[in-house]
Each structure stands twice: as structure tokens, then as C-alpha cells.
Amino acid sequence: MTEQPDPHPVTGLDDVVHQRVRLGILTVAHQARRVEFGFLRTALALTAGNLSQHLTVLEKAGLVEVEKGYEGRRARTWLSLTPAGDRALRDEVTQLKRLIQQIEQASSQEDA
């Protein structure tokens, strides 16, 4: 029986999470716990439509919860990570760390 090598770390990256904007959304939401749509749009330098599309993907995947309401007379939208979103972000960071470690090990072997 031949031993199968560990899969490459890139195979563990989640296509929903790994996309640059969605990773940014999840990261900001993780740090803030609850983030307002306008703040997120500004922080990530996105248009409202672009941010809305990415939030829809994350919401359908069960990674964020979107809450609409009012602050005074102004309509507001807030989002927060779900427990699944928190796990998905942590898993993504773990896979990225594995990938970085693999690259650094290969570079140090080349330098030796």
C-alpha cells in the first residue's frame, strides 16, 4: 500500500471565503462583531451594489447574518458573522498559514 501525500494546502481553501472582497468582509465582521454596511463599503472601497452582491453570496452560504433596521429615521443594514462564518474564516486562515509555511520551507531549502 502506497502512502498518499498530504493534499496541497491550496486544496483546502474555500472558494466562497477566499475571494478577496468576501475575505475582507468576513475579516472586518470578525473584528467588529457587528458592522454597518456603509462602514464596510468605505473600509473595503466598494460600491454599494458590489458589496450587496458579495453579502448575498455570504448570506446564502450561511456565513453572515444581515439585519435591517433604522437608526433614527435612516434605514441601516448591519451584518455579523454566524458561527459557521467564524469557523469558515478560522479554517481559511489555517489553510493560508499552512500554505505560507510550505512556501517558506521551500525558500529556506533553496537558500541552503
PDB file of N, CA and C in Angstrom:
ATOM      1  N   MET A   1       0.848  -1.173   0.000  1.00  0.00           N
ATOM      2  CA  MET A   1       0.000   0.000   0.000  1.00  0.00           C
ATOM      3  C   MET A   1       0.895   1.238   0.000  1.00  0.00           C
ATOM      4  N   THR A   2       0.658   2.125  -0.952  1.00  0.00           N
ATOM      5  CA  THR A   2       1.462   3.339  -1.023  1.00  0.00           C
ATOM      6  C   THR A   2       0.818   4.420  -0.167  1.00  0.00           C
ATOM      7  N   GLU A   3       1.663   5.194   0.474  1.00  0.00           N
ATOM      8  CA  GLU A   3       1.177   6.262   1.332  1.00  0.00           C
ATOM      9  C   GLU A   3       0.864   7.486   0.484  1.00  0.00           C
ATOM     10  N   GLN A   4      -0.335   8.000   0.650  1.00  0.00           N
ATOM     11  CA  GLN A   4      -0.749   9.187  -0.094  1.00  0.00           C
ATOM     12  C   GLN A   4      -0.175  10.428   0.595  1.00  0.00           C
ATOM     13  N   PRO A   5       0.407  11.340  -0.173  1.00  0.00           N
ATOM     14  CA  PRO A   5       0.913  12.562   0.450  1.00  0.00           C
ATOM     15  C   PRO A   5      -0.258  13.437   0.916  1.00  0.00           C
ATOM     16  N   ASP A   6       0.033  14.291   1.886  1.00  0.00           N
ATOM     17  CA  ASP A   6      -0.993  15.237   2.333  1.00  0.00           C
ATOM     18  C   ASP A   6      -1.386  16.110   1.149  1.00  0.00           C
ATOM     19  N   PRO A   7      -2.660  16.435   1.034  1.00  0.00           N
ATOM     20  CA  PRO A   7      -3.068  17.313  -0.070  1.00  0.00           C
ATOM     21  C   PRO A   7      -2.408  18.686   0.075  1.00  0.00           C
ATOM     22  N   HIS A   8      -2.181  19.330  -1.022  1.00  0.00           N
ATOM     23  CA  HIS A   8      -1.583  20.661  -1.036  1.00  0.00           C
ATOM     24  C   HIS A   8      -2.513  21.611  -0.275  1.00  0.00           C
ATOM     25  N   PRO A   9      -1.968  22.543   0.537  1.00  0.00           N
ATOM     26  CA  PRO A   9      -2.820  23.443   1.315  1.00  0.00           C
ATOM     27  C   PRO A   9      -3.826  24.231   0.480  1.00  0.00           C
ATOM     28  N   VAL A  10      -3.509  24.510  -0.769  1.00  0.00           N
ATOM     29  CA  VAL A  10      -4.424  25.289  -1.605  1.00  0.00           C
ATOM     30  C   VAL A  10      -5.740  24.544  -1.844  1.00  0.00           C
ATOM     31  N   THR A  11      -5.732  23.215  -1.746  1.00  0.00           N
ATOM     32  CA  THR A  11      -6.968  22.455  -1.951  1.00  0.00           C
ATOM     33  C   THR A  11      -7.952  22.660  -0.812  1.00  0.00           C
ATOM     34  N   GLY A  12      -7.487  23.169   0.323  1.00  0.00           N
ATOM     35  CA  GLY A  12      -8.356  23.404   1.460  1.00  0.00           C
ATOM     36  C   GLY A  12      -8.961  24.795   1.497  1.00  0.00           C
ATOM     37  N   LEU A  13      -8.583  25.645   0.539  1.00  0.00           N
ATOM     38  CA  LEU A  13      -9.145  26.991   0.507  1.00  0.00           C
ATOM     39  C   LEU A  13     -10.591  26.938   0.028  1.00  0.00           C
ATOM     40  N   ASP A  14     -11.445  27.696   0.677  1.00  0.00           N
ATOM     41  CA  ASP A  14     -12.872  27.723   0.368  1.00  0.00           C
ATOM     42  C   ASP A  14     -13.129  28.812  -0.670  1.00  0.00           C
ATOM     43  N   ASP A  15     -13.672  28.450  -1.817  1.00  0.00           N
ATOM     44  CA  ASP A  15     -13.903  29.414  -2.901  1.00  0.00           C
ATOM     45  C   ASP A  15     -14.835  30.552  -2.480  1.00  0.00           C
ATOM     46  N   VAL A  16     -15.795  30.276  -1.619  1.00  0.00           N
ATOM     47  CA  VAL A  16     -16.711  31.327  -1.168  1.00  0.00           C
ATOM     48  C   VAL A  16     -15.960  32.321  -0.280  1.00  0.00           C
ATOM     49  N   VAL A  17     -15.153  31.814   0.629  1.00  0.00           N
ATOM     50  CA  VAL A  17     -14.441  32.647   1.591  1.00  0.00           C
ATOM     51  C   VAL A  17     -13.221  33.310   0.973  1.00  0.00           C
ATOM     52  N   HIS A  18     -12.507  32.618   0.126  1.00  0.00           N
ATOM     53  CA  HIS A  18     -11.201  33.072  -0.325  1.00  0.00           C
ATOM     54  C   HIS A  18     -11.241  34.270  -1.273  1.00  0.00           C
ATOM     55  N   GLN A  19     -12.337  34.491  -1.923  1.00  0.00           N
ATOM     56  CA  GLN A  19     -12.429  35.636  -2.826  1.00  0.00           C
ATOM     57  C   GLN A  19     -12.076  36.896  -2.036  1.00  0.00           C
ATOM     58  N   ARG A  20     -11.259  37.768  -2.592  1.00  0.00           N
ATOM     59  CA  ARG A  20     -10.677  38.912  -1.880  1.00  0.00           C
ATOM     60  C   ARG A  20     -11.697  39.752  -1.116  1.00  0.00           C
ATOM     61  N   VAL A  21     -12.767  40.157  -1.766  1.00  0.00           N
ATOM     62  CA  VAL A  21     -13.759  41.017  -1.107  1.00  0.00           C
ATOM     63  C   VAL A  21     -14.458  40.263   0.012  1.00  0.00           C
ATOM     64  N   ARG A  22     -14.852  39.022  -0.240  1.00  0.00           N
ATOM     65  CA  ARG A  22     -15.558  38.261   0.789  1.00  0.00           C
ATOM     66  C   ARG A  22     -14.662  37.967   1.986  1.00  0.00           C
ATOM     67  N   LEU A  23     -13.389  37.707   1.736  1.00  0.00           N
ATOM     68  CA  LEU A  23     -12.445  37.513   2.838  1.00  0.00           C
ATOM     69  C   LEU A  23     -12.339  38.804   3.649  1.00  0.00           C
ATOM     70  N   GLY A  24     -12.330  39.930   2.968  1.00  0.00           N
ATOM     71  CA  GLY A  24     -12.307  41.220   3.654  1.00  0.00           C
ATOM     72  C   GLY A  24     -13.553  41.446   4.494  1.00  0.00           C
ATOM     73  N   ILE A  25     -14.713  41.121   3.951  1.00  0.00           N
ATOM     74  CA  ILE A  25     -15.971  41.268   4.679  1.00  0.00           C
ATOM     75  C   ILE A  25     -15.937  40.428   5.951  1.00  0.00           C
ATOM     76  N   LEU A  26     -15.551  39.173   5.802  1.00  0.00           N
ATOM     77  CA  LEU A  26     -15.519  38.272   6.961  1.00  0.00           C
ATOM     78  C   LEU A  26     -14.516  38.747   8.007  1.00  0.00           C
ATOM     79  N   THR A  27     -13.385  39.257   7.554  1.00  0.00           N
ATOM     80  CA  THR A  27     -12.354  39.726   8.480  1.00  0.00           C
ATOM     81  C   THR A  27     -12.826  40.946   9.262  1.00  0.00           C
ATOM     82  N   VAL A  28     -13.396  41.919   8.567  1.00  0.00           N
ATOM     83  CA  VAL A  28     -13.890  43.122   9.243  1.00  0.00           C
ATOM     84  C   VAL A  28     -15.027  42.755  10.197  1.00  0.00           C
ATOM     85  N   ALA A  29     -15.925  41.902   9.748  1.00  0.00           N
ATOM     86  CA  ALA A  29     -17.049  41.486  10.596  1.00  0.00           C
ATOM     87  C   ALA A  29     -16.556  40.728  11.829  1.00  0.00           C
ATOM     88  N   HIS A  30     -15.522  39.939  11.660  1.00  0.00           N
ATOM     89  CA  HIS A  30     -14.946  39.207  12.800  1.00  0.00           C
ATOM     90  C   HIS A  30     -14.361  40.182  13.819  1.00  0.00           C
ATOM     91  N   GLN A  31     -13.657  41.179  13.334  1.00  0.00           N
ATOM     92  CA  GLN A  31     -13.029  42.151  14.228  1.00  0.00           C
ATOM     93  C   GLN A  31     -14.067  43.023  14.926  1.00  0.00           C
ATOM     94  N   ALA A  32     -15.111  43.414  14.208  1.00  0.00           N
ATOM     95  CA  ALA A  32     -16.103  44.345  14.748  1.00  0.00           C
ATOM     96  C   ALA A  32     -17.246  43.635  15.468  1.00  0.00           C
ATOM     97  N   ARG A  33     -17.450  42.371  15.204  1.00  0.00           N
ATOM     98  CA  ARG A  33     -18.576  41.578  15.693  1.00  0.00           C
ATOM     99  C   ARG A  33     -19.903  41.977  15.050  1.00  0.00           C
ATOM    100  N   ARG A  34     -20.115  43.243  14.818  1.00  0.00           N
ATOM    101  CA  ARG A  34     -21.314  43.730  14.128  1.00  0.00           C
ATOM    102  C   ARG A  34     -20.882  44.979  13.378  1.00  0.00           C
ATOM    103  N   VAL A  35     -21.095  44.991  12.076  1.00  0.00           N
ATOM    104  CA  VAL A  35     -20.579  46.094  11.267  1.00  0.00           C
ATOM    105  C   VAL A  35     -21.690  46.665  10.390  1.00  0.00           C
ATOM    106  N   GLU A  36     -21.676  47.975  10.248  1.00  0.00           N
ATOM    107  CA  GLU A  36     -22.681  48.670   9.450  1.00  0.00           C
ATOM    108  C   GLU A  36     -22.255  48.674   7.983  1.00  0.00           C
ATOM    109  N   PHE A  37     -23.219  48.521   7.107  1.00  0.00           N
ATOM    110  CA  PHE A  37     -22.991  48.416   5.664  1.00  0.00           C
ATOM    111  C   PHE A  37     -22.116  49.556   5.134  1.00  0.00           C
ATOM    112  N   GLY A  38     -22.431  50.798   5.497  1.00  0.00           N
ATOM    113  CA  GLY A  38     -21.680  51.955   4.994  1.00  0.00           C
ATOM    114  C   GLY A  38     -20.227  51.932   5.427  1.00  0.00           C
ATOM    115  N   PHE A  39     -19.987  51.530   6.670  1.00  0.00           N
ATOM    116  CA  PHE A  39     -18.612  51.426   7.151  1.00  0.00           C
ATOM    117  C   PHE A  39     -17.850  50.381   6.345  1.00  0.00           C
ATOM    118  N   LEU A  40     -18.485  49.245   6.137  1.00  0.00           N
ATOM    119  CA  LEU A  40     -17.862  48.154   5.391  1.00  0.00           C
ATOM    120  C   LEU A  40     -17.578  48.566   3.949  1.00  0.00           C
ATOM    121  N   ARG A  41     -18.527  49.249   3.331  1.00  0.00           N
ATOM    122  CA  ARG A  41     -18.358  49.730   1.951  1.00  0.00           C
ATOM    123  C   ARG A  41     -17.146  50.656   1.849  1.00  0.00           C
ATOM    124  N   THR A  42     -17.033  51.580   2.789  1.00  0.00           N
ATOM    125  CA  THR A  42     -15.914  52.520   2.791  1.00  0.00           C
ATOM    126  C   THR A  42     -14.593  51.809   3.095  1.00  0.00           C
ATOM    127  N   ALA A  43     -14.599  50.965   4.121  1.00  0.00           N
ATOM    128  CA  ALA A  43     -13.374  50.281   4.538  1.00  0.00           C
ATOM    129  C   ALA A  43     -12.790  49.418   3.423  1.00  0.00           C
ATOM    130  N   LEU A  44     -13.650  48.805   2.621  1.00  0.00           N
ATOM    131  CA  LEU A  44     -13.195  47.910   1.555  1.00  0.00           C
ATOM    132  C   LEU A  44     -13.191  48.577   0.182  1.00  0.00           C
ATOM    133  N   ALA A  45     -13.513  49.873   0.145  1.00  0.00           N
ATOM    134  CA  ALA A  45     -13.510  50.658  -1.100  1.00  0.00           C
ATOM    135  C   ALA A  45     -14.364  49.993  -2.189  1.00  0.00           C
ATOM    136  N   LEU A  46     -15.630  49.732  -1.851  1.00  0.00           N
ATOM    137  CA  LEU A  46     -16.555  49.069  -2.766  1.00  0.00           C
ATOM    138  C   LEU A  46     -17.738  49.966  -3.081  1.00  0.00           C
ATOM    139  N   THR A  47     -18.400  49.670  -4.187  1.00  0.00           N
ATOM    140  CA  THR A  47     -19.680  50.315  -4.448  1.00  0.00           C
ATOM    141  C   THR A  47     -20.739  49.580  -3.634  1.00  0.00           C
ATOM    142  N   ALA A  48     -21.858  50.237  -3.411  1.00  0.00           N
ATOM    143  CA  ALA A  48     -22.938  49.608  -2.660  1.00  0.00           C
ATOM    144  C   ALA A  48     -23.428  48.341  -3.366  1.00  0.00           C
ATOM    145  N   GLY A  49     -23.543  48.398  -4.683  1.00  0.00           N
ATOM    146  CA  GLY A  49     -24.007  47.235  -5.439  1.00  0.00           C
ATOM    147  C   GLY A  49     -23.052  46.060  -5.356  1.00  0.00           C
ATOM    148  N   ASN A  50     -21.762  46.352  -5.444  1.00  0.00           N
ATOM    149  CA  ASN A  50     -20.765  45.288  -5.367  1.00  0.00           C
ATOM    150  C   ASN A  50     -20.779  44.641  -3.989  1.00  0.00           C
ATOM    151  N   LEU A  51     -20.821  45.455  -2.945  1.00  0.00           N
ATOM    152  CA  LEU A  51     -20.871  44.925  -1.588  1.00  0.00           C
ATOM    153  C   LEU A  51     -22.133  44.082  -1.392  1.00  0.00           C
ATOM    154  N   SER A  52     -23.264  44.565  -1.894  1.00  0.00           N
ATOM    155  CA  SER A  52     -24.521  43.821  -1.768  1.00  0.00           C
ATOM    156  C   SER A  52     -24.431  42.443  -2.402  1.00  0.00           C
ATOM    157  N   GLN A  53     -23.818  42.359  -3.578  1.00  0.00           N
ATOM    158  CA  GLN A  53     -23.680  41.070  -4.258  1.00  0.00           C
ATOM    159  C   GLN A  53     -22.852  40.090  -3.428  1.00  0.00           C
ATOM    160  N   HIS A  54     -21.748  40.575  -2.867  1.00  0.00           N
ATOM    161  CA  HIS A  54     -20.897  39.692  -2.059  1.00  0.00           C
ATOM    162  C   HIS A  54     -21.595  39.288  -0.761  1.00  0.00           C
ATOM    163  N   LEU A  55     -22.347  40.209  -0.172  1.00  0.00           N
ATOM    164  CA  LEU A  55     -23.095  39.866   1.039  1.00  0.00           C
ATOM    165  C   LEU A  55     -24.151  38.810   0.759  1.00  0.00           C
ATOM    166  N   THR A  56     -24.768  38.888  -0.402  1.00  0.00           N
ATOM    167  CA  THR A  56     -25.761  37.882  -0.787  1.00  0.00           C
ATOM    168  C   THR A  56     -25.127  36.493  -0.859  1.00  0.00           C
ATOM    169  N   VAL A  57     -23.948  36.406  -1.462  1.00  0.00           N
ATOM    170  CA  VAL A  57     -23.236  35.123  -1.549  1.00  0.00           C
ATOM    171  C   VAL A  57     -22.938  34.593  -0.145  1.00  0.00           C
ATOM    172  N   LEU A  58     -22.414  35.468   0.725  1.00  0.00           N
ATOM    173  CA  LEU A  58     -22.064  35.043   2.081  1.00  0.00           C
ATOM    174  C   LEU A  58     -23.297  34.675   2.900  1.00  0.00           C
ATOM    175  N   GLU A  59     -24.378  35.419   2.701  1.00  0.00           N
ATOM    176  CA  GLU A  59     -25.616  35.126   3.432  1.00  0.00           C
ATOM    177  C   GLU A  59     -26.211  33.792   2.978  1.00  0.00           C
ATOM    178  N   LYS A  60     -26.231  33.542   1.670  1.00  0.00           N
ATOM    179  CA  LYS A  60     -26.753  32.268   1.148  1.00  0.00           C
ATOM    180  C   LYS A  60     -25.928  31.085   1.643  1.00  0.00           C
ATOM    181  N   ALA A  61     -24.623  31.312   1.845  1.00  0.00           N
ATOM    182  CA  ALA A  61     -23.736  30.253   2.343  1.00  0.00           C
ATOM    183  C   ALA A  61     -23.867  30.090   3.860  1.00  0.00           C
ATOM    184  N   GLY A  62     -24.643  30.957   4.500  1.00  0.00           N
ATOM    185  CA  GLY A  62     -24.844  30.863   5.941  1.00  0.00           C
ATOM    186  C   GLY A  62     -23.683  31.401   6.758  1.00  0.00           C
ATOM    187  N   LEU A  63     -22.849  32.254   6.145  1.00  0.00           N
ATOM    188  CA  LEU A  63     -21.656  32.747   6.835  1.00  0.00           C
ATOM    189  C   LEU A  63     -21.862  34.090   7.512  1.00  0.00           C
ATOM    190  N   VAL A  64     -22.827  34.874   7.049  1.00  0.00           N
ATOM    191  CA  VAL A  64     -23.145  36.151   7.696  1.00  0.00           C
ATOM    192  C   VAL A  64     -24.644  36.250   7.894  1.00  0.00           C
ATOM    193  N   GLU A  65     -25.009  37.075   8.854  1.00  0.00           N
ATOM    194  CA  GLU A  65     -26.412  37.378   9.107  1.00  0.00           C
ATOM    195  C   GLU A  65     -26.592  38.865   8.832  1.00  0.00           C
ATOM    196  N   VAL A  66     -27.565  39.200   8.024  1.00  0.00           N
ATOM    197  CA  VAL A  66     -27.830  40.589   7.669  1.00  0.00           C
ATOM    198  C   VAL A  66     -29.071  41.045   8.428  1.00  0.00           C
ATOM    199  N   GLU A  67     -28.944  42.203   9.058  1.00  0.00           N
ATOM    200  CA  GLU A  67     -30.036  42.756   9.858  1.00  0.00           C
ATOM    201  C   GLU A  67     -30.343  44.157   9.343  1.00  0.00           C
ATOM    202  N   LYS A  68     -31.587  44.382   9.001  1.00  0.00           N
ATOM    203  CA  LYS A  68     -32.007  45.699   8.516  1.00  0.00           C
ATOM    204  C   LYS A  68     -32.848  46.365   9.594  1.00  0.00           C
ATOM    205  N   GLY A  69     -32.658  47.662   9.718  1.00  0.00           N
ATOM    206  CA  GLY A  69     -33.410  48.391  10.733  1.00  0.00           C
ATOM    207  C   GLY A  69     -33.239  49.881  10.526  1.00  0.00           C
ATOM    208  N   TYR A  70     -33.539  50.616  11.554  1.00  0.00           N
ATOM    209  CA  TYR A  70     -33.450  52.073  11.484  1.00  0.00           C
ATOM    210  C   TYR A  70     -32.602  52.590  12.626  1.00  0.00           C
ATOM    211  N   GLU A  71     -31.874  53.629  12.305  1.00  0.00           N
ATOM    212  CA  GLU A  71     -31.139  54.381  13.319  1.00  0.00           C
ATOM    213  C   GLU A  71     -31.679  55.790  13.177  1.00  0.00           C
ATOM    214  N   GLY A  72     -32.543  56.174  14.105  1.00  0.00           N
ATOM    215  CA  GLY A  72     -33.283  57.411  13.915  1.00  0.00           C
ATOM    216  C   GLY A  72     -34.240  57.210  12.752  1.00  0.00           C
ATOM    217  N   ARG A  73     -34.166  58.096  11.768  1.00  0.00           N
ATOM    218  CA  ARG A  73     -35.026  57.967  10.586  1.00  0.00           C
ATOM    219  C   ARG A  73     -34.315  57.307   9.419  1.00  0.00           C
ATOM    220  N   ARG A  74     -33.049  57.008   9.595  1.00  0.00           N
ATOM    221  CA  ARG A  74     -32.272  56.458   8.483  1.00  0.00           C
ATOM    222  C   ARG A  74     -32.285  54.933   8.499  1.00  0.00           C
ATOM    223  N   ALA A  75     -32.580  54.366   7.348  1.00  0.00           N
ATOM    224  CA  ALA A  75     -32.516  52.910   7.213  1.00  0.00           C
ATOM    225  C   ALA A  75     -31.048  52.488   7.288  1.00  0.00           C
ATOM    226  N   ARG A  76     -30.784  51.423   8.004  1.00  0.00           N
ATOM    227  CA  ARG A  76     -29.426  50.907   8.165  1.00  0.00           C
ATOM    228  C   ARG A  76     -29.416  49.402   7.940  1.00  0.00           C
ATOM    229  N   THR A  77     -28.271  48.918   7.519  1.00  0.00           N
ATOM    230  CA  THR A  77     -28.060  47.479   7.373  1.00  0.00           C
ATOM    231  C   THR A  77     -26.795  47.126   8.140  1.00  0.00           C
ATOM    232  N   TRP A  78     -26.904  46.132   9.008  1.00  0.00           N
ATOM    233  CA  TRP A  78     -25.768  45.644   9.773  1.00  0.00           C
ATOM    234  C   TRP A  78     -25.549  44.178   9.427  1.00  0.00           C
ATOM    235  N   LEU A  79     -24.322  43.758   9.588  1.00  0.00           N
ATOM    236  CA  LEU A  79     -24.080  42.336   9.406  1.00  0.00           C
ATOM    237  C   LEU A  79     -23.154  41.834  10.483  1.00  0.00           C
ATOM    238  N   SER A  80     -23.269  40.559  10.746  1.00  0.00           N
ATOM    239  CA  SER A  80     -22.413  39.906  11.728  1.00  0.00           C
ATOM    240  C   SER A  80     -22.135  38.488  11.235  1.00  0.00           C
ATOM    241  N   LEU A  81     -21.052  37.931  11.738  1.00  0.00           N
ATOM    242  CA  LEU A  81     -20.711  36.555  11.375  1.00  0.00           C
ATOM    243  C   LEU A  81     -21.625  35.588  12.100  1.00  0.00           C
ATOM    244  N   THR A  82     -21.984  34.533  11.430  1.00  0.00           N
ATOM    245  CA  THR A  82     -22.666  33.421  12.084  1.00  0.00           C
ATOM    246  C   THR A  82     -21.582  32.518  12.663  1.00  0.00           C
ATOM    247  N   PRO A  83     -21.935  31.567  13.514  1.00  0.00           N
ATOM    248  CA  PRO A  83     -20.925  30.613  13.983  1.00  0.00           C
ATOM    249  C   PRO A  83     -20.245  29.886  12.812  1.00  0.00           C
ATOM    250  N   ALA A  84     -21.009  29.574  11.761  1.00  0.00           N
ATOM    251  CA  ALA A  84     -20.416  28.930  10.580  1.00  0.00           C
ATOM    252  C   ALA A  84     -19.434  29.870   9.882  1.00  0.00           C
ATOM    253  N   GLY A  85     -19.752  31.157   9.853  1.00  0.00           N
ATOM    254  CA  GLY A  85     -18.860  32.144   9.253  1.00  0.00           C
ATOM    255  C   GLY A  85     -17.572  32.281  10.028  1.00  0.00           C
ATOM    256  N   ASP A  86     -17.686  32.259  11.340  1.00  0.00           N
ATOM    257  CA  ASP A  86     -16.494  32.324  12.188  1.00  0.00           C
ATOM    258  C   ASP A  86     -15.602  31.109  11.947  1.00  0.00           C
ATOM    259  N   ARG A  87     -16.211  29.925  11.875  1.00  0.00           N
ATOM    260  CA  ARG A  87     -15.441  28.696  11.604  1.00  0.00           C
ATOM    261  C   ARG A  87     -14.802  28.743  10.224  1.00  0.00           C
ATOM    262  N   ALA A  88     -15.562  29.203   9.229  1.00  0.00           N
ATOM    263  CA  ALA A  88     -15.035  29.266   7.858  1.00  0.00           C
ATOM    264  C   ALA A  88     -13.840  30.217   7.782  1.00  0.00           C
ATOM    265  N   LEU A  89     -13.919  31.347   8.461  1.00  0.00           N
ATOM    266  CA  LEU A  89     -12.801  32.292   8.464  1.00  0.00           C
ATOM    267  C   LEU A  89     -11.594  31.675   9.158  1.00  0.00           C
ATOM    268  N   ARG A  90     -11.798  31.040  10.295  1.00  0.00           N
ATOM    269  CA  ARG A  90     -10.688  30.399  11.015  1.00  0.00           C
ATOM    270  C   ARG A  90     -10.051  29.293  10.160  1.00  0.00           C
ATOM    271  N   ASP A  91     -10.885  28.496   9.501  1.00  0.00           N
ATOM    272  CA  ASP A  91     -10.368  27.425   8.632  1.00  0.00           C
ATOM    273  C   ASP A  91      -9.547  28.005   7.484  1.00  0.00           C
ATOM    274  N   GLU A  92     -10.027  29.103   6.911  1.00  0.00           N
ATOM    275  CA  GLU A  92      -9.319  29.739   5.800  1.00  0.00           C
ATOM    276  C   GLU A  92      -7.950  30.245   6.257  1.00  0.00           C
ATOM    277  N   VAL A  93      -7.917  30.882   7.420  1.00  0.00           N
ATOM    278  CA  VAL A  93      -6.657  31.394   7.964  1.00  0.00           C
ATOM    279  C   VAL A  93      -5.695  30.234   8.235  1.00  0.00           C
ATOM    280  N   THR A  94      -6.203  29.135   8.754  1.00  0.00           N
ATOM    281  CA  THR A  94      -5.364  27.954   9.000  1.00  0.00           C
ATOM    282  C   THR A  94      -4.751  27.448   7.701  1.00  0.00           C
ATOM    283  N   GLN A  95      -5.562  27.346   6.653  1.00  0.00           N
ATOM    284  CA  GLN A  95      -5.056  26.870   5.357  1.00  0.00           C
ATOM    285  C   GLN A  95      -4.029  27.851   4.778  1.00  0.00           C
ATOM    286  N   LEU A  96      -4.285  29.143   4.919  1.00  0.00           N
ATOM    287  CA  LEU A  96      -3.321  30.144   4.423  1.00  0.00           C
ATOM    288  C   LEU A  96      -1.999  30.035   5.176  1.00  0.00           C
ATOM    289  N   LYS A  97      -2.066  29.807   6.485  1.00  0.00           N
ATOM    290  CA  LYS A  97      -0.840  29.639   7.278  1.00  0.00           C
ATOM    291  C   LYS A  97      -0.061  28.414   6.806  1.00  0.00           C
ATOM    292  N   ARG A  98      -0.773  27.320   6.516  1.00  0.00           N
ATOM    293  CA  ARG A  98      -0.113  26.112   6.003  1.00  0.00           C
ATOM    294  C   ARG A  98       0.571  26.395   4.673  1.00  0.00           C
ATOM    295  N   LEU A  99      -0.113  27.135   3.808  1.00  0.00           N
ATOM    296  CA  LEU A  99       0.442  27.477   2.506  1.00  0.00           C
ATOM    297  C   LEU A  99       1.692  28.346   2.662  1.00  0.00           C
ATOM    298  N   ILE A 100       1.626  29.336   3.533  1.00  0.00           N
ATOM    299  CA  ILE A 100       2.778  30.211   3.782  1.00  0.00           C
ATOM    300  C   ILE A 100       3.943  29.405   4.338  1.00  0.00           C
ATOM    301  N   GLN A 101       3.661  28.530   5.274  1.00  0.00           N
ATOM    302  CA  GLN A 101       4.711  27.694   5.866  1.00  0.00           C
ATOM    303  C   GLN A 101       5.387  26.838   4.801  1.00  0.00           C
ATOM    304  N   GLN A 102       4.597  26.275   3.902  1.00  0.00           N
ATOM    305  CA  GLN A 102       5.151  25.446   2.836  1.00  0.00           C
ATOM    306  C   GLN A 102       6.061  26.268   1.919  1.00  0.00           C
ATOM    307  N   ILE A 103       5.642  27.466   1.595  1.00  0.00           N
ATOM    308  CA  ILE A 103       6.448  28.346   0.738  1.00  0.00           C
ATOM    309  C   ILE A 103       7.745  28.745   1.446  1.00  0.00           C
ATOM    310  N   GLU A 104       7.637  29.093   2.726  1.00  0.00           N
ATOM    311  CA  GLU A 104       8.824  29.482   3.478  1.00  0.00           C
ATOM    312  C   GLU A 104       9.811  28.324   3.623  1.00  0.00           C
ATOM    313  N   GLN A 105       9.300  27.121   3.833  1.00  0.00           N
ATOM    314  CA  GLN A 105      10.181  25.958   3.937  1.00  0.00           C
ATOM    315  C   GLN A 105      10.896  25.706   2.604  1.00  0.00           C
ATOM    316  N   ALA A 106      10.173  25.807   1.512  1.00  0.00           N
ATOM    317  CA  ALA A 106      10.781  25.610   0.199  1.00  0.00           C
ATOM    318  C   ALA A 106      11.836  26.682  -0.070  1.00  0.00           C
ATOM    319  N   SER A 107      11.566  27.916   0.320  1.00  0.00           N
ATOM    320  CA  SER A 107      12.527  29.009   0.104  1.00  0.00           C
ATOM    321  C   SER A 107      13.764  28.803   0.954  1.00  0.00           C
ATOM    322  N   SER A 108      13.613  28.349   2.199  1.00  0.00           N
ATOM    323  CA  SER A 108      14.779  28.159   3.057  1.00  0.00           C
ATOM    324  C   SER A 108      15.625  26.986   2.562  1.00  0.00           C
ATOM    325  N   GLN A 109      15.000  25.974   1.956  1.00  0.00           N
ATOM    326  CA  GLN A 109      15.752  24.846   1.392  1.00  0.00           C
ATOM    327  C   GLN A 109      16.534  25.287   0.164  1.00  0.00           C
ATOM    328  N   GLU A 110      15.952  26.193  -0.628  1.00  0.00           N
ATOM    329  CA  GLU A 110      16.646  26.704  -1.806  1.00  0.00           C
ATOM    330  C   GLU A 110      17.850  27.546  -1.403  1.00  0.00           C
ATOM    331  N   ASP A 111      17.716  28.280  -0.294  1.00  0.00           N
ATOM    332  CA  ASP A 111      18.783  29.166   0.172  1.00  0.00           C
ATOM    333  C   ASP A 111      19.915  28.401   0.827  1.00  0.00           C
ATOM    334  N   ALA A 112      19.660  27.159   1.250  1.00  0.00           N
ATOM    335  CA  ALA A 112      20.684  26.382   1.966  1.00  0.00           C
ATOM    336  C   ALA A 112      21.738  25.813   1.022  1.00  0.00           C
TER     337      ALA A 112
END
